Full PDB file with SEQRES, HELIX, SHEET, SSBOND, CRYST1, ORIGX, SCALE, CONECT and MASTER records, all heavy atoms in Angstrom:
SEQRES   1 A   42  GLY ILE ASP GLU THR ALA GLU SER SER ASP ALA GLY SER          
SEQRES   2 A   42  VAL HIS ARG ASP PRO THR THR GLY ARG LEU ASN GLY ILE          
SEQRES   3 A   42  VAL SER GLY ASN HIS ALA GLN VAL ALA ALA ALA ILE PRO          
SEQRES   4 A   42  PRO LEU ALA                                                  
HELIX    1 AA1 ALA A   32  ALA A   37  1                                   6    
SHEET    1 AA1 2 SER A  13  ARG A  16  0                                        
SHEET    2 AA1 2 LEU A  23  SER A  28 -1                                        
CRYST1    1.000    1.000    1.000  90.00  90.00  90.00 P 1           1          
ORIGX1      1.000000  0.000000  0.000000        0.00000                         
ORIGX2      0.000000  1.000000  0.000000        0.00000                         
ORIGX3      0.000000  0.000000  1.000000        0.00000                         
SCALE1      1.000000  0.000000  0.000000        0.00000                         
SCALE2      0.000000  1.000000  0.000000        0.00000                         
SCALE3      0.000000  0.000000  1.000000        0.00000                         
ATOM      1  N   GLY A   1      88.666  89.058 124.991  1.00  0.00           N  
ATOM      2  CA  GLY A   1      89.735  89.957 125.445  1.00  0.00           C  
ATOM      3  C   GLY A   1      90.032  91.057 124.460  1.00  0.00           C  
ATOM      4  O   GLY A   1      91.144  91.594 124.427  1.00  0.00           O  
ATOM      5  N   ILE A   2      89.036  91.403 123.635  1.00  0.00           N  
ATOM      6  CA  ILE A   2      89.235  92.467 122.638  1.00  0.00           C  
ATOM      7  C   ILE A   2      88.532  93.724 123.137  1.00  0.00           C  
ATOM      8  O   ILE A   2      87.308  93.757 123.277  1.00  0.00           O  
ATOM      9  CB  ILE A   2      88.661  92.045 121.265  1.00  0.00           C  
ATOM     10  CG1 ILE A   2      89.362  90.783 120.762  1.00  0.00           C  
ATOM     11  CG2 ILE A   2      88.795  93.174 120.255  1.00  0.00           C  
ATOM     12  CD1 ILE A   2      88.770  90.218 119.472  1.00  0.00           C  
ATOM     13  N   ASP A   3      89.309  94.747 123.441  1.00  0.00           N  
ATOM     14  CA  ASP A   3      88.729  96.014 123.907  1.00  0.00           C  
ATOM     15  C   ASP A   3      89.141  97.161 123.000  1.00  0.00           C  
ATOM     16  O   ASP A   3      89.742  96.932 121.936  1.00  0.00           O  
ATOM     17  CB  ASP A   3      89.121  96.279 125.374  1.00  0.00           C  
ATOM     18  CG  ASP A   3      90.654  96.359 125.560  1.00  0.00           C  
ATOM     19  OD1 ASP A   3      91.363  96.660 124.585  1.00  0.00           O  
ATOM     20  OD2 ASP A   3      91.103  96.121 126.687  1.00  0.00           O  
ATOM     21  N   GLU A   4      88.846  98.367 123.384  1.00  0.00           N  
ATOM     22  CA  GLU A   4      89.094  99.518 122.521  1.00  0.00           C  
ATOM     23  C   GLU A   4      90.571  99.786 122.252  1.00  0.00           C  
ATOM     24  O   GLU A   4      90.907 100.547 121.339  1.00  0.00           O  
ATOM     25  CB  GLU A   4      88.448 100.780 123.133  1.00  0.00           C  
ATOM     26  CG  GLU A   4      86.924 100.735 123.192  1.00  0.00           C  
ATOM     27  CD  GLU A   4      86.261 100.667 121.810  1.00  0.00           C  
ATOM     28  OE1 GLU A   4      86.932 101.014 120.819  1.00  0.00           O  
ATOM     29  OE2 GLU A   4      85.091 100.251 121.739  1.00  0.00           O  
ATOM     30  N   THR A   5      91.448  99.108 122.992  1.00  0.00           N  
ATOM     31  CA  THR A   5      92.892  99.289 122.726  1.00  0.00           C  
ATOM     32  C   THR A   5      93.392  98.306 121.677  1.00  0.00           C  
ATOM     33  O   THR A   5      94.567  98.359 121.284  1.00  0.00           O  
ATOM     34  CB  THR A   5      93.708  99.090 124.025  1.00  0.00           C  
ATOM     35  OG1 THR A   5      93.576  97.703 124.458  1.00  0.00           O  
ATOM     36  CG2 THR A   5      93.210 100.021 125.124  1.00  0.00           C  
ATOM     37  N   ALA A   6      92.532  97.412 121.208  1.00  0.00           N  
ATOM     38  CA  ALA A   6      92.959  96.372 120.274  1.00  0.00           C  
ATOM     39  C   ALA A   6      93.421  96.991 118.959  1.00  0.00           C  
ATOM     40  O   ALA A   6      92.921  98.003 118.496  1.00  0.00           O  
ATOM     41  CB  ALA A   6      91.795  95.409 120.028  1.00  0.00           C  
ATOM     42  N   GLU A   7      94.420  96.327 118.361  1.00  0.00           N  
ATOM     43  CA  GLU A   7      94.954  96.757 117.083  1.00  0.00           C  
ATOM     44  C   GLU A   7      94.899  95.609 116.097  1.00  0.00           C  
ATOM     45  O   GLU A   7      94.914  94.437 116.489  1.00  0.00           O  
ATOM     46  CB  GLU A   7      96.408  97.255 117.238  1.00  0.00           C  
ATOM     47  CG  GLU A   7      96.550  98.474 118.123  1.00  0.00           C  
ATOM     48  CD  GLU A   7      97.986  98.946 118.199  1.00  0.00           C  
ATOM     49  OE1 GLU A   7      98.867  98.281 117.622  1.00  0.00           O  
ATOM     50  OE2 GLU A   7      98.215  99.972 118.862  1.00  0.00           O  
ATOM     51  N   SER A   8      94.875  95.940 114.831  1.00  0.00           N  
ATOM     52  CA  SER A   8      94.854  94.928 113.771  1.00  0.00           C  
ATOM     53  C   SER A   8      96.264  94.402 113.538  1.00  0.00           C  
ATOM     54  O   SER A   8      97.252  95.053 113.832  1.00  0.00           O  
ATOM     55  CB  SER A   8      94.315  95.513 112.483  1.00  0.00           C  
ATOM     56  OG  SER A   8      92.962  95.918 112.628  1.00  0.00           O  
ATOM     57  N   SER A   9      96.322  93.174 113.025  1.00  0.00           N  
ATOM     58  CA  SER A   9      97.604  92.565 112.640  1.00  0.00           C  
ATOM     59  C   SER A   9      97.375  91.771 111.386  1.00  0.00           C  
ATOM     60  O   SER A   9      96.246  91.612 110.901  1.00  0.00           O  
ATOM     61  CB  SER A   9      98.117  91.661 113.770  1.00  0.00           C  
ATOM     62  OG  SER A   9      97.302  90.520 113.883  1.00  0.00           O  
ATOM     63  N   ASP A  10      98.449  91.202 110.837  1.00  0.00           N  
ATOM     64  CA  ASP A  10      98.323  90.388 109.631  1.00  0.00           C  
ATOM     65  C   ASP A  10      97.435  89.171 109.869  1.00  0.00           C  
ATOM     66  O   ASP A  10      96.798  88.660 108.964  1.00  0.00           O  
ATOM     67  CB  ASP A  10      99.702  89.921 109.139  1.00  0.00           C  
ATOM     68  CG  ASP A  10     100.525  91.057 108.569  1.00  0.00           C  
ATOM     69  OD1 ASP A  10      99.900  92.081 108.185  1.00  0.00           O  
ATOM     70  OD2 ASP A  10     101.753  90.943 108.506  1.00  0.00           O  
ATOM     71  N   ALA A  11      97.414  88.699 111.131  1.00  0.00           N  
ATOM     72  CA  ALA A  11      96.656  87.498 111.442  1.00  0.00           C  
ATOM     73  C   ALA A  11      95.180  87.768 111.733  1.00  0.00           C  
ATOM     74  O   ALA A  11      94.383  86.846 111.844  1.00  0.00           O  
ATOM     75  CB  ALA A  11      97.289  86.766 112.627  1.00  0.00           C  
ATOM     76  N   GLY A  12      94.816  89.029 111.862  1.00  0.00           N  
ATOM     77  CA  GLY A  12      93.407  89.343 112.149  1.00  0.00           C  
ATOM     78  C   GLY A  12      93.223  90.838 112.314  1.00  0.00           C  
ATOM     79  O   GLY A  12      94.043  91.500 112.944  1.00  0.00           O  
ATOM     80  N   SER A  13      92.141  91.330 111.743  1.00  0.00           N  
ATOM     81  CA  SER A  13      91.874  92.781 111.811  1.00  0.00           C  
ATOM     82  C   SER A  13      90.606  93.055 112.606  1.00  0.00           C  
ATOM     83  O   SER A  13      89.625  92.310 112.512  1.00  0.00           O  
ATOM     84  CB  SER A  13      91.716  93.340 110.376  1.00  0.00           C  
ATOM     85  OG  SER A  13      92.868  93.095 109.613  1.00  0.00           O  
ATOM     86  N   VAL A  14      90.631  94.144 113.350  1.00  0.00           N  
ATOM     87  CA  VAL A  14      89.435  94.623 114.034  1.00  0.00           C  
ATOM     88  C   VAL A  14      88.973  95.891 113.320  1.00  0.00           C  
ATOM     89  O   VAL A  14      89.790  96.683 112.842  1.00  0.00           O  
ATOM     90  CB  VAL A  14      89.703  94.880 115.528  1.00  0.00           C  
ATOM     91  CG1 VAL A  14      90.006  93.589 116.258  1.00  0.00           C  
ATOM     92  CG2 VAL A  14      90.848  95.879 115.728  1.00  0.00           C  
ATOM     93  N   HIS A  15      87.661  96.070 113.237  1.00  0.00           N  
ATOM     94  CA  HIS A  15      87.099  97.191 112.497  1.00  0.00           C  
ATOM     95  C   HIS A  15      86.448  98.163 113.473  1.00  0.00           C  
ATOM     96  O   HIS A  15      85.970  97.766 114.550  1.00  0.00           O  
ATOM     97  CB  HIS A  15      86.097  96.710 111.476  1.00  0.00           C  
ATOM     98  CG  HIS A  15      86.685  95.816 110.423  1.00  0.00           C  
ATOM     99  ND1 HIS A  15      86.890  96.210 109.128  1.00  0.00           N  
ATOM    100  CD2 HIS A  15      87.140  94.539 110.497  1.00  0.00           C  
ATOM    101  CE1 HIS A  15      87.428  95.220 108.419  1.00  0.00           C  
ATOM    102  NE2 HIS A  15      87.593  94.191 109.247  1.00  0.00           N  
ATOM    103  N   ARG A  16      86.371  99.414 113.049  1.00  0.00           N  
ATOM    104  CA  ARG A  16      85.841 100.465 113.911  1.00  0.00           C  
ATOM    105  C   ARG A  16      84.756 101.258 113.198  1.00  0.00           C  
ATOM    106  O   ARG A  16      84.742 101.366 111.954  1.00  0.00           O  
ATOM    107  CB  ARG A  16      86.964 101.392 114.388  1.00  0.00           C  
ATOM    108  CG  ARG A  16      88.004 100.693 115.236  1.00  0.00           C  
ATOM    109  CD  ARG A  16      89.133 101.619 115.689  1.00  0.00           C  
ATOM    110  NE  ARG A  16      90.111 100.878 116.481  1.00  0.00           N  
ATOM    111  CZ  ARG A  16      90.013 100.682 117.796  1.00  0.00           C  
ATOM    112  NH1 ARG A  16      88.969 101.189 118.444  1.00  0.00           N  
ATOM    113  NH2 ARG A  16      90.926  99.989 118.447  1.00  0.00           N  
ATOM    114  N   ASP A  17      83.868 101.836 113.958  1.00  0.00           N  
ATOM    115  CA  ASP A  17      82.853 102.694 113.412  1.00  0.00           C  
ATOM    116  C   ASP A  17      83.528 103.943 112.830  1.00  0.00           C  
ATOM    117  O   ASP A  17      84.335 104.588 113.517  1.00  0.00           O  
ATOM    118  CB  ASP A  17      81.860 103.107 114.502  1.00  0.00           C  
ATOM    119  CG  ASP A  17      80.746 103.964 113.967  1.00  0.00           C  
ATOM    120  OD1 ASP A  17      80.940 105.200 113.888  1.00  0.00           O  
ATOM    121  OD2 ASP A  17      79.672 103.424 113.625  1.00  0.00           O  
ATOM    122  N   PRO A  18      83.236 104.282 111.569  1.00  0.00           N  
ATOM    123  CA  PRO A  18      83.945 105.411 110.954  1.00  0.00           C  
ATOM    124  C   PRO A  18      83.667 106.760 111.609  1.00  0.00           C  
ATOM    125  O   PRO A  18      84.458 107.700 111.471  1.00  0.00           O  
ATOM    126  CB  PRO A  18      83.441 105.383 109.496  1.00  0.00           C  
ATOM    127  CG  PRO A  18      82.150 104.658 109.549  1.00  0.00           C  
ATOM    128  CD  PRO A  18      82.288 103.657 110.660  1.00  0.00           C  
ATOM    129  N   THR A  19      82.558 106.883 112.333  1.00  0.00           N  
ATOM    130  CA  THR A  19      82.198 108.156 112.967  1.00  0.00           C  
ATOM    131  C   THR A  19      82.787 108.272 114.374  1.00  0.00           C  
ATOM    132  O   THR A  19      83.421 109.273 114.714  1.00  0.00           O  
ATOM    133  CB  THR A  19      80.665 108.321 113.013  1.00  0.00           C  
ATOM    134  OG1 THR A  19      80.139 108.256 111.693  1.00  0.00           O  
ATOM    135  CG2 THR A  19      80.298 109.654 113.638  1.00  0.00           C  
ATOM    136  N   THR A  20      82.561 107.238 115.180  1.00  0.00           N  
ATOM    137  CA  THR A  20      82.983 107.306 116.578  1.00  0.00           C  
ATOM    138  C   THR A  20      84.353 106.728 116.828  1.00  0.00           C  
ATOM    139  O   THR A  20      84.975 107.024 117.851  1.00  0.00           O  
ATOM    140  CB  THR A  20      81.971 106.537 117.452  1.00  0.00           C  
ATOM    141  OG1 THR A  20      82.039 105.139 117.136  1.00  0.00           O  
ATOM    142  CG2 THR A  20      80.568 107.041 117.208  1.00  0.00           C  
ATOM    143  N   GLY A  21      84.831 105.886 115.932  1.00  0.00           N  
ATOM    144  CA  GLY A  21      86.129 105.232 116.116  1.00  0.00           C  
ATOM    145  C   GLY A  21      86.085 104.061 117.079  1.00  0.00           C  
ATOM    146  O   GLY A  21      87.121 103.441 117.352  1.00  0.00           O  
ATOM    147  N   ARG A  22      84.906 103.732 117.583  1.00  0.00           N  
ATOM    148  CA  ARG A  22      84.795 102.578 118.495  1.00  0.00           C  
ATOM    149  C   ARG A  22      84.745 101.269 117.733  1.00  0.00           C  
ATOM    150  O   ARG A  22      84.323 101.221 116.562  1.00  0.00           O  
ATOM    151  CB  ARG A  22      83.530 102.749 119.360  1.00  0.00           C  
ATOM    152  CG  ARG A  22      83.542 103.969 120.283  1.00  0.00           C  
ATOM    153  CD  ARG A  22      82.299 103.964 121.144  1.00  0.00           C  
ATOM    154  NE  ARG A  22      82.272 102.825 122.051  1.00  0.00           N  
ATOM    155  CZ  ARG A  22      81.182 102.385 122.670  1.00  0.00           C  
ATOM    156  NH1 ARG A  22      80.019 102.999 122.480  1.00  0.00           N  
ATOM    157  NH2 ARG A  22      81.240 101.322 123.474  1.00  0.00           N  
ATOM    158  N   LEU A  23      85.133 100.194 118.381  1.00  0.00           N  
ATOM    159  CA  LEU A  23      85.055  98.871 117.760  1.00  0.00           C  
ATOM    160  C   LEU A  23      83.595  98.582 117.397  1.00  0.00           C  
ATOM    161  O   LEU A  23      82.715  98.713 118.251  1.00  0.00           O  
ATOM    162  CB  LEU A  23      85.568  97.791 118.708  1.00  0.00           C  
ATOM    163  CG  LEU A  23      87.054  97.800 119.056  1.00  0.00           C  
ATOM    164  CD1 LEU A  23      87.341  96.703 120.091  1.00  0.00           C  
ATOM    165  CD2 LEU A  23      87.911  97.614 117.837  1.00  0.00           C  
ATOM    166  N   ASN A  24      83.378  98.168 116.147  1.00  0.00           N  
ATOM    167  CA  ASN A  24      81.981  97.869 115.743  1.00  0.00           C  
ATOM    168  C   ASN A  24      81.657  96.385 115.794  1.00  0.00           C  
ATOM    169  O   ASN A  24      80.561  95.973 115.435  1.00  0.00           O  
ATOM    170  CB  ASN A  24      81.716  98.421 114.344  1.00  0.00           C  
ATOM    171  CG  ASN A  24      82.597  97.784 113.264  1.00  0.00           C  
ATOM    172  OD1 ASN A  24      83.279  96.795 113.513  1.00  0.00           O  
ATOM    173  ND2 ASN A  24      82.579  98.370 112.073  1.00  0.00           N  
ATOM    174  N   GLY A  25      82.634  95.567 116.248  1.00  0.00           N  
ATOM    175  CA  GLY A  25      82.400  94.142 116.419  1.00  0.00           C  
ATOM    176  C   GLY A  25      82.810  93.271 115.255  1.00  0.00           C  
ATOM    177  O   GLY A  25      82.859  92.062 115.367  1.00  0.00           O  
ATOM    178  N   ILE A  26      83.164  93.868 114.105  1.00  0.00           N  
ATOM    179  CA  ILE A  26      83.553  93.092 112.937  1.00  0.00           C  
ATOM    180  C   ILE A  26      85.043  92.752 113.040  1.00  0.00           C  
ATOM    181  O   ILE A  26      85.888  93.630 113.276  1.00  0.00           O  
ATOM    182  CB  ILE A  26      83.259  93.852 111.648  1.00  0.00           C  
ATOM    183  CG1 ILE A  26      81.753  94.142 111.525  1.00  0.00           C  
ATOM    184  CG2 ILE A  26      83.743  93.063 110.443  1.00  0.00           C  
ATOM    185  CD1 ILE A  26      81.383  95.033 110.351  1.00  0.00           C  
ATOM    186  N   VAL A  27      85.336  91.470 112.883  1.00  0.00           N  
ATOM    187  CA  VAL A  27      86.709  90.975 112.951  1.00  0.00           C  
ATOM    188  C   VAL A  27      86.987  90.208 111.679  1.00  0.00           C  
ATOM    189  O   VAL A  27      86.166  89.392 111.239  1.00  0.00           O  
ATOM    190  CB  VAL A  27      86.917  90.083 114.198  1.00  0.00           C  
ATOM    191  CG1 VAL A  27      88.335  89.554 114.233  1.00  0.00           C  
ATOM    192  CG2 VAL A  27      86.588  90.843 115.477  1.00  0.00           C  
ATOM    193  N   SER A  28      88.130  90.435 111.081  1.00  0.00           N  
ATOM    194  CA  SER A  28      88.515  89.793 109.818  1.00  0.00           C  
ATOM    195  C   SER A  28      89.748  88.931 110.001  1.00  0.00           C  
ATOM    196  O   SER A  28      90.596  89.214 110.853  1.00  0.00           O  
ATOM    197  CB  SER A  28      88.771  90.812 108.708  1.00  0.00           C  
ATOM    198  OG  SER A  28      87.657  91.640 108.512  1.00  0.00           O  
ATOM    199  N   GLY A  29      89.820  87.872 109.204  1.00  0.00           N  
ATOM    200  CA  GLY A  29      91.011  87.027 109.215  1.00  0.00           C  
ATOM    201  C   GLY A  29      90.966  86.005 110.338  1.00  0.00           C  
ATOM    202  O   GLY A  29      89.977  85.803 111.035  1.00  0.00           O  
ATOM    203  N   ASN A  30      92.133  85.335 110.525  1.00  0.00           N  
ATOM    204  CA  ASN A  30      92.255  84.313 111.556  1.00  0.00           C  
ATOM    205  C   ASN A  30      92.711  84.932 112.872  1.00  0.00           C  
ATOM    206  O   ASN A  30      93.879  84.873 113.229  1.00  0.00           O  
ATOM    207  CB  ASN A  30      93.265  83.224 111.103  1.00  0.00           C  
ATOM    208  CG  ASN A  30      92.810  82.536 109.846  1.00  0.00           C  
ATOM    209  OD1 ASN A  30      91.661  82.196 109.702  1.00  0.00           O  
ATOM    210  ND2 ASN A  30      93.743  82.319 108.913  1.00  0.00           N  
ATOM    211  N   HIS A  31      91.788  85.565 113.554  1.00  0.00           N  
ATOM    212  CA  HIS A  31      92.140  86.296 114.779  1.00  0.00           C  
ATOM    213  C   HIS A  31      92.325  85.281 115.927  1.00  0.00           C  
ATOM    214  O   HIS A  31      91.392  84.589 116.299  1.00  0.00           O  
ATOM    215  CB  HIS A  31      91.041  87.285 115.123  1.00  0.00           C  
ATOM    216  CG  HIS A  31      91.486  88.383 116.059  1.00  0.00           C  
ATOM    217  ND1 HIS A  31      91.750  88.142 117.388  1.00  0.00           N  
ATOM    218  CD2 HIS A  31      91.761  89.696 115.842  1.00  0.00           C  
ATOM    219  CE1 HIS A  31      92.124  89.266 117.967  1.00  0.00           C  
ATOM    220  NE2 HIS A  31      92.145  90.219 117.043  1.00  0.00           N  
ATOM    221  N   ALA A  32      93.531  85.255 116.446  1.00  0.00           N  
ATOM    222  CA  ALA A  32      93.877  84.214 117.439  1.00  0.00           C  
ATOM    223  C   ALA A  32      93.034  84.310 118.701  1.00  0.00           C  
ATOM    224  O   ALA A  32      92.645  83.286 119.280  1.00  0.00           O  
ATOM    225  CB  ALA A  32      95.359  84.320 117.802  1.00  0.00           C  
ATOM    226  N   GLN A  33      92.736  85.527 119.144  1.00  0.00           N  
ATOM    227  CA  GLN A  33      91.944  85.677 120.389  1.00  0.00           C  
ATOM    228  C   GLN A  33      90.524  85.170 120.212  1.00  0.00           C  
ATOM    229  O   GLN A  33      89.972  84.567 121.135  1.00  0.00           O  
ATOM    230  CB  GLN A  33      91.947  87.154 120.818  1.00  0.00           C  
ATOM    231  CG  GLN A  33      93.268  87.638 121.379  1.00  0.00           C  
ATOM    232  CD  GLN A  33      93.248  89.125 121.620  1.00  0.00           C  
ATOM    233  OE1 GLN A  33      93.771  89.893 120.801  1.00  0.00           O  
ATOM    234  NE2 GLN A  33      92.652  89.560 122.721  1.00  0.00           N  
ATOM    235  N   VAL A  34      89.962  85.376 119.031  1.00  0.00           N  
ATOM    236  CA  VAL A  34      88.615  84.889 118.780  1.00  0.00           C  
ATOM    237  C   VAL A  34      88.624  83.366 118.735  1.00  0.00           C  
ATOM    238  O   VAL A  34      87.784  82.684 119.347  1.00  0.00           O  
ATOM    239  CB  VAL A  34      88.066  85.456 117.463  1.00  0.00           C  
ATOM    240  CG1 VAL A  34      86.708  84.867 117.128  1.00  0.00           C  
ATOM    241  CG2 VAL A  34      87.956  86.980 117.552  1.00  0.00           C  
ATOM    242  N   ALA A  35      89.586  82.804 118.010  1.00  0.00           N  
ATOM    243  CA  ALA A  35      89.669  81.349 117.882  1.00  0.00           C  
ATOM    244  C   ALA A  35      89.855  80.678 119.251  1.00  0.00           C  
ATOM    245  O   ALA A  35      89.294  79.600 119.518  1.00  0.00           O  
ATOM    246  CB  ALA A  35      90.810  80.956 116.949  1.00  0.00           C  
ATOM    247  N   ALA A  36      90.631  81.320 120.121  1.00  0.00           N  
ATOM    248  CA  ALA A  36      90.927  80.721 121.438  1.00  0.00           C  
ATOM    249  C   ALA A  36      89.744  80.834 122.392  1.00  0.00           C  
ATOM    250  O   ALA A  36      89.567  79.981 123.281  1.00  0.00           O  
ATOM    251  CB  ALA A  36      92.148  81.382 122.049  1.00  0.00           C  
ATOM    252  N   ALA A  37      88.912  81.852 122.243  1.00  0.00           N  
ATOM    253  CA  ALA A  37      87.874  82.126 123.238  1.00  0.00           C  
ATOM    254  C   ALA A  37      86.583  81.360 122.956  1.00  0.00           C  
ATOM    255  O   ALA A  37      85.820  81.083 123.898  1.00  0.00           O  
ATOM    256  CB  ALA A  37      87.582  83.612 123.292  1.00  0.00           C  
ATOM    257  N   ILE A  38      86.295  81.064 121.713  1.00  0.00           N  
ATOM    258  CA  ILE A  38      85.016  80.431 121.392  1.00  0.00           C  
ATOM    259  C   ILE A  38      85.094  78.951 121.751  1.00  0.00           C  
ATOM    260  O   ILE A  38      85.937  78.219 121.206  1.00  0.00           O  
ATOM    261  CB  ILE A  38      84.666  80.603 119.904  1.00  0.00           C  
ATOM    262  CG1 ILE A  38      84.530  82.090 119.576  1.00  0.00           C  
ATOM    263  CG2 ILE A  38      83.371  79.873 119.564  1.00  0.00           C  
ATOM    264  CD1 ILE A  38      84.276  82.374 118.132  1.00  0.00           C  
ATOM    265  N   PRO A  39      84.254  78.486 122.641  1.00  0.00           N  
ATOM    266  CA  PRO A  39      84.337  77.082 123.058  1.00  0.00           C  
ATOM    267  C   PRO A  39      83.825  76.143 121.967  1.00  0.00           C  
ATOM    268  O   PRO A  39      82.991  76.514 121.154  1.00  0.00           O  
ATOM    269  CB  PRO A  39      83.400  77.046 124.293  1.00  0.00           C  
ATOM    270  CG  PRO A  39      82.415  78.123 124.030  1.00  0.00           C  
ATOM    271  CD  PRO A  39      83.160  79.210 123.314  1.00  0.00           C  
ATOM    272  N   PRO A  40      84.352  74.927 121.925  1.00  0.00           N  
ATOM    273  CA  PRO A  40      83.824  73.958 120.963  1.00  0.00           C  
ATOM    274  C   PRO A  40      82.396  73.568 121.324  1.00  0.00           C  
ATOM    275  O   PRO A  40      81.962  73.745 122.464  1.00  0.00           O  
ATOM    276  CB  PRO A  40      84.783  72.765 121.098  1.00  0.00           C  
ATOM    277  CG  PRO A  40      85.314  72.857 122.495  1.00  0.00           C  
ATOM    278  CD  PRO A  40      85.413  74.344 122.787  1.00  0.00           C  
ATOM    279  N   LEU A  41      81.686  73.046 120.338  1.00  0.00           N  
ATOM    280  CA  LEU A  41      80.358  72.534 120.633  1.00  0.00           C  
ATOM    281  C   LEU A  41      80.428  71.345 121.568  1.00  0.00           C  
ATOM    282  O   LEU A  41      81.420  70.606 121.559  1.00  0.00           O  
ATOM    283  CB  LEU A  41      79.656  72.122 119.325  1.00  0.00           C  
ATOM    284  CG  LEU A  41      79.292  73.230 118.331  1.00  0.00           C  
ATOM    285  CD1 LEU A  41      78.733  72.616 117.062  1.00  0.00           C  
ATOM    286  CD2 LEU A  41      78.290  74.198 118.927  1.00  0.00           C  
ATOM    287  N   ALA A  42      79.414  71.150 122.343  1.00  0.00           N  
ATOM    288  CA  ALA A  42      79.347  69.983 123.216  1.00  0.00           C  
ATOM    289  C   ALA A  42      79.276  68.717 122.377  1.00  0.00           C  
ATOM    290  O   ALA A  42      78.871  68.751 121.210  1.00  0.00           O  
ATOM    291  CB  ALA A  42      78.141  70.084 124.142  1.00  0.00           C  
TER     292      ALA A  42                                                      
MASTER        0    0    0    1    2    0    0    6  291    1    0    4          
END                                                                             
């Protein structure tokens, strides 16, 4: 659920391409949306 409107917070940061400003896929910290979306191993 992370799209181009996403913003960084103390709990997790999203990074952007310095030229285009688009999300480059790098996420830092304990990002709640990432933790919630990744399923546990079988």
